[in-house]
Amino acid sequence: MLDAGCGASAHAGALVERGAQVTGIDSSAGLLAIAAQRLAQPLDSQRADFRDLLLARSGTSKDAELLVLRQEVAKPLAAPG
């Protein structure tokens, strides 16, 4: 599961504690540091801008998932208004 813009990982942390495999990404190193300190279990986290992840390398299953995610995220962003 991907938590884009995870911040201090309140949601990702709760999911990890319930056994989910979660990758958290956020552009703030400070918030990721807070997440690492407060979570009882380690979170797979990356310092990254979500917009950069939408430009995935080709050829992996994760890239296919990101492509679908990109299309879904883009729908409301492209809507007028």
N, C-alpha and C. Protein backbone atom coordinates (compact mmCIF):
# COMPACT_ATOMS: atom_id res chain seq x y z
N MET A 1 0.85 -1.15 0.00
CA MET A 1 0.00 0.00 0.00
C MET A 1 0.91 1.23 0.00
N LEU A 2 0.52 2.25 -0.71
CA LEU A 2 1.30 3.48 -0.78
C LEU A 2 0.58 4.59 -0.03
N ASP A 3 1.29 5.23 0.88
CA ASP A 3 0.77 6.40 1.57
C ASP A 3 1.55 7.60 1.04
N ALA A 4 0.99 8.24 0.02
CA ALA A 4 1.64 9.38 -0.61
C ALA A 4 1.38 10.63 0.22
N GLY A 5 2.45 11.33 0.56
CA GLY A 5 2.31 12.49 1.43
C GLY A 5 2.04 12.03 2.85
N CYS A 6 2.80 11.05 3.30
CA CYS A 6 2.51 10.40 4.59
C CYS A 6 2.77 11.27 5.81
N GLY A 7 3.56 12.32 5.65
CA GLY A 7 3.84 13.19 6.79
C GLY A 7 4.46 12.41 7.93
N ALA A 8 3.93 12.55 9.13
CA ALA A 8 4.45 11.85 10.30
C ALA A 8 3.88 10.43 10.40
N SER A 9 3.18 10.00 9.39
CA SER A 9 2.71 8.62 9.21
C SER A 9 1.66 8.13 10.19
N ALA A 10 0.74 8.96 10.54
CA ALA A 10 -0.34 8.53 11.44
C ALA A 10 -1.14 7.39 10.81
N HIS A 11 -1.52 7.54 9.56
CA HIS A 11 -2.32 6.50 8.89
C HIS A 11 -1.47 5.28 8.56
N ALA A 12 -0.30 5.50 7.98
CA ALA A 12 0.57 4.38 7.63
C ALA A 12 0.96 3.59 8.86
N GLY A 13 1.26 4.27 9.95
CA GLY A 13 1.63 3.59 11.18
C GLY A 13 0.54 2.68 11.69
N ALA A 14 -0.68 3.15 11.65
CA ALA A 14 -1.82 2.33 12.10
C ALA A 14 -1.98 1.09 11.22
N LEU A 15 -1.77 1.26 9.93
CA LEU A 15 -1.88 0.12 9.01
C LEU A 15 -0.76 -0.88 9.22
N VAL A 16 0.46 -0.39 9.42
CA VAL A 16 1.61 -1.27 9.67
C VAL A 16 1.38 -2.08 10.95
N GLU A 17 0.87 -1.45 11.98
CA GLU A 17 0.60 -2.13 13.24
C GLU A 17 -0.43 -3.23 13.09
N ARG A 18 -1.27 -3.13 12.06
CA ARG A 18 -2.28 -4.16 11.78
C ARG A 18 -1.78 -5.19 10.78
N GLY A 19 -0.49 -5.09 10.40
CA GLY A 19 0.09 -6.11 9.53
C GLY A 19 0.18 -5.76 8.06
N ALA A 20 -0.24 -4.57 7.68
CA ALA A 20 -0.18 -4.18 6.27
C ALA A 20 1.25 -3.83 5.86
N GLN A 21 1.57 -4.05 4.62
CA GLN A 21 2.86 -3.62 4.06
C GLN A 21 2.63 -2.26 3.43
N VAL A 22 3.24 -1.24 4.01
CA VAL A 22 2.99 0.14 3.60
C VAL A 22 4.32 0.80 3.27
N THR A 23 4.33 1.55 2.18
CA THR A 23 5.44 2.42 1.85
C THR A 23 4.94 3.85 1.97
N GLY A 24 5.59 4.61 2.81
CA GLY A 24 5.23 6.01 2.99
C GLY A 24 6.20 6.91 2.26
N ILE A 25 5.69 7.89 1.53
CA ILE A 25 6.56 8.86 0.88
C ILE A 25 6.13 10.26 1.28
N ASP A 26 7.12 11.10 1.48
CA ASP A 26 6.86 12.49 1.79
C ASP A 26 8.09 13.30 1.39
N SER A 27 7.90 14.54 1.03
CA SER A 27 9.02 15.38 0.63
C SER A 27 9.72 16.02 1.83
N SER A 28 9.15 15.86 3.02
CA SER A 28 9.71 16.47 4.22
C SER A 28 10.55 15.47 5.02
N ALA A 29 11.85 15.70 5.05
CA ALA A 29 12.73 14.83 5.84
C ALA A 29 12.38 14.93 7.32
N GLY A 30 11.99 16.11 7.77
CA GLY A 30 11.63 16.30 9.17
C GLY A 30 10.44 15.46 9.59
N LEU A 31 9.41 15.42 8.76
CA LEU A 31 8.22 14.61 9.08
C LEU A 31 8.54 13.13 9.05
N LEU A 32 9.37 12.70 8.11
CA LEU A 32 9.76 11.30 8.07
C LEU A 32 10.57 10.91 9.30
N ALA A 33 11.39 11.83 9.80
CA ALA A 33 12.15 11.58 11.02
C ALA A 33 11.22 11.43 12.22
N ILE A 34 10.19 12.26 12.29
CA ILE A 34 9.20 12.15 13.36
C ILE A 34 8.50 10.80 13.28
N ALA A 35 8.15 10.38 12.07
CA ALA A 35 7.49 9.08 11.88
C ALA A 35 8.39 7.95 12.37
N ALA A 36 9.67 8.01 12.05
CA ALA A 36 10.60 6.95 12.46
C ALA A 36 10.72 6.88 13.98
N GLN A 37 10.63 8.02 14.65
CA GLN A 37 10.75 8.05 16.11
C GLN A 37 9.49 7.56 16.81
N ARG A 38 8.34 7.86 16.24
CA ARG A 38 7.10 7.57 16.98
C ARG A 38 6.48 6.22 16.67
N LEU A 39 6.85 5.59 15.57
CA LEU A 39 6.24 4.31 15.22
C LEU A 39 6.94 3.16 15.94
N ALA A 40 6.15 2.24 16.45
CA ALA A 40 6.70 1.09 17.15
C ALA A 40 7.36 0.12 16.17
N GLN A 41 6.82 0.03 14.96
CA GLN A 41 7.38 -0.84 13.93
C GLN A 41 7.93 0.02 12.82
N PRO A 42 9.03 -0.42 12.21
CA PRO A 42 9.61 0.40 11.15
C PRO A 42 8.69 0.52 9.93
N LEU A 43 8.71 1.67 9.34
CA LEU A 43 7.92 1.94 8.14
C LEU A 43 8.88 2.05 6.97
N ASP A 44 8.56 1.39 5.88
CA ASP A 44 9.32 1.56 4.65
C ASP A 44 8.99 2.95 4.13
N SER A 45 9.90 3.88 4.32
CA SER A 45 9.61 5.26 3.92
C SER A 45 10.70 5.79 3.00
N GLN A 46 10.31 6.71 2.17
CA GLN A 46 11.21 7.33 1.20
C GLN A 46 10.97 8.83 1.20
N ARG A 47 12.05 9.58 1.16
CA ARG A 47 11.90 11.03 0.97
C ARG A 47 11.79 11.26 -0.52
N ALA A 48 10.63 11.70 -0.94
CA ALA A 48 10.39 11.90 -2.37
C ALA A 48 9.17 12.79 -2.54
N ASP A 49 9.14 13.44 -3.67
CA ASP A 49 7.97 14.22 -4.07
C ASP A 49 7.08 13.29 -4.87
N PHE A 50 5.84 13.17 -4.46
CA PHE A 50 4.90 12.26 -5.13
C PHE A 50 4.85 12.52 -6.63
N ARG A 51 4.94 13.76 -7.02
CA ARG A 51 4.88 14.08 -8.46
C ARG A 51 6.04 13.45 -9.21
N ASP A 52 7.20 13.33 -8.57
CA ASP A 52 8.34 12.68 -9.22
C ASP A 52 8.13 11.19 -9.38
N LEU A 53 7.44 10.57 -8.43
CA LEU A 53 7.19 9.13 -8.51
C LEU A 53 6.25 8.78 -9.64
N LEU A 54 5.50 9.73 -10.13
CA LEU A 54 4.60 9.46 -11.24
C LEU A 54 5.36 9.25 -12.54
N LEU A 55 6.65 9.56 -12.52
CA LEU A 55 7.51 9.33 -13.68
C LEU A 55 8.34 8.08 -13.41
N ALA A 56 7.69 6.94 -13.33
CA ALA A 56 8.34 5.70 -12.93
C ALA A 56 9.18 5.11 -14.05
N ARG A 57 10.19 4.33 -13.63
CA ARG A 57 10.96 3.54 -14.59
C ARG A 57 10.03 2.49 -15.17
N SER A 58 10.28 2.09 -16.39
CA SER A 58 9.41 1.08 -17.01
C SER A 58 9.96 -0.31 -16.75
N GLY A 59 9.08 -1.29 -16.81
CA GLY A 59 9.49 -2.67 -16.77
C GLY A 59 9.27 -3.41 -15.46
N THR A 60 8.70 -2.80 -14.45
CA THR A 60 8.45 -3.53 -13.21
C THR A 60 6.97 -3.48 -12.87
N SER A 61 6.53 -4.43 -12.06
CA SER A 61 5.11 -4.45 -11.69
C SER A 61 4.75 -3.23 -10.86
N LYS A 62 5.71 -2.73 -10.05
CA LYS A 62 5.44 -1.53 -9.28
C LYS A 62 5.20 -0.35 -10.20
N ASP A 63 5.92 -0.32 -11.32
CA ASP A 63 5.73 0.77 -12.27
C ASP A 63 4.33 0.72 -12.87
N ALA A 64 3.83 -0.47 -13.12
CA ALA A 64 2.47 -0.60 -13.66
C ALA A 64 1.47 -0.09 -12.64
N GLU A 65 1.71 -0.40 -11.36
CA GLU A 65 0.83 0.10 -10.31
C GLU A 65 0.88 1.62 -10.24
N LEU A 66 2.08 2.18 -10.37
CA LEU A 66 2.20 3.64 -10.34
C LEU A 66 1.52 4.29 -11.53
N LEU A 67 1.56 3.62 -12.69
CA LEU A 67 0.89 4.16 -13.87
C LEU A 67 -0.62 4.24 -13.63
N VAL A 68 -1.19 3.18 -13.08
CA VAL A 68 -2.62 3.18 -12.76
C VAL A 68 -2.91 4.26 -11.73
N LEU A 69 -2.07 4.36 -10.72
CA LEU A 69 -2.23 5.38 -9.70
C LEU A 69 -2.17 6.77 -10.32
N ARG A 70 -1.22 6.96 -11.21
CA ARG A 70 -1.09 8.26 -11.88
C ARG A 70 -2.36 8.62 -12.63
N GLN A 71 -2.92 7.65 -13.32
CA GLN A 71 -4.15 7.91 -14.07
C GLN A 71 -5.30 8.26 -13.14
N GLU A 72 -5.41 7.56 -12.01
CA GLU A 72 -6.49 7.82 -11.06
C GLU A 72 -6.32 9.17 -10.38
N VAL A 73 -5.08 9.50 -10.02
CA VAL A 73 -4.82 10.79 -9.36
C VAL A 73 -5.06 11.94 -10.33
N ALA A 74 -4.75 11.73 -11.58
CA ALA A 74 -4.87 12.78 -12.58
C ALA A 74 -6.33 13.13 -12.88
N LYS A 75 -7.25 12.20 -12.70
CA LYS A 75 -8.66 12.46 -13.04
C LYS A 75 -9.22 13.70 -12.34
N PRO A 76 -9.18 13.77 -11.02
CA PRO A 76 -9.74 14.97 -10.39
C PRO A 76 -8.89 16.23 -10.63
N LEU A 77 -7.61 16.04 -10.85
CA LEU A 77 -6.75 17.20 -11.11
C LEU A 77 -7.04 17.81 -12.47
N ALA A 78 -7.51 16.99 -13.41
CA ALA A 78 -7.80 17.47 -14.75
C ALA A 78 -9.22 18.02 -14.89
N ALA A 79 -10.06 17.75 -13.89
CA ALA A 79 -11.45 18.21 -13.96
C ALA A 79 -11.51 19.73 -13.90
N PRO A 80 -12.41 20.33 -14.71
CA PRO A 80 -12.52 21.79 -14.68
C PRO A 80 -13.06 22.27 -13.34
N GLY A 81 -12.67 23.47 -12.97
CA GLY A 81 -13.20 24.08 -11.76
C GLY A 81 -12.26 24.02 -10.65
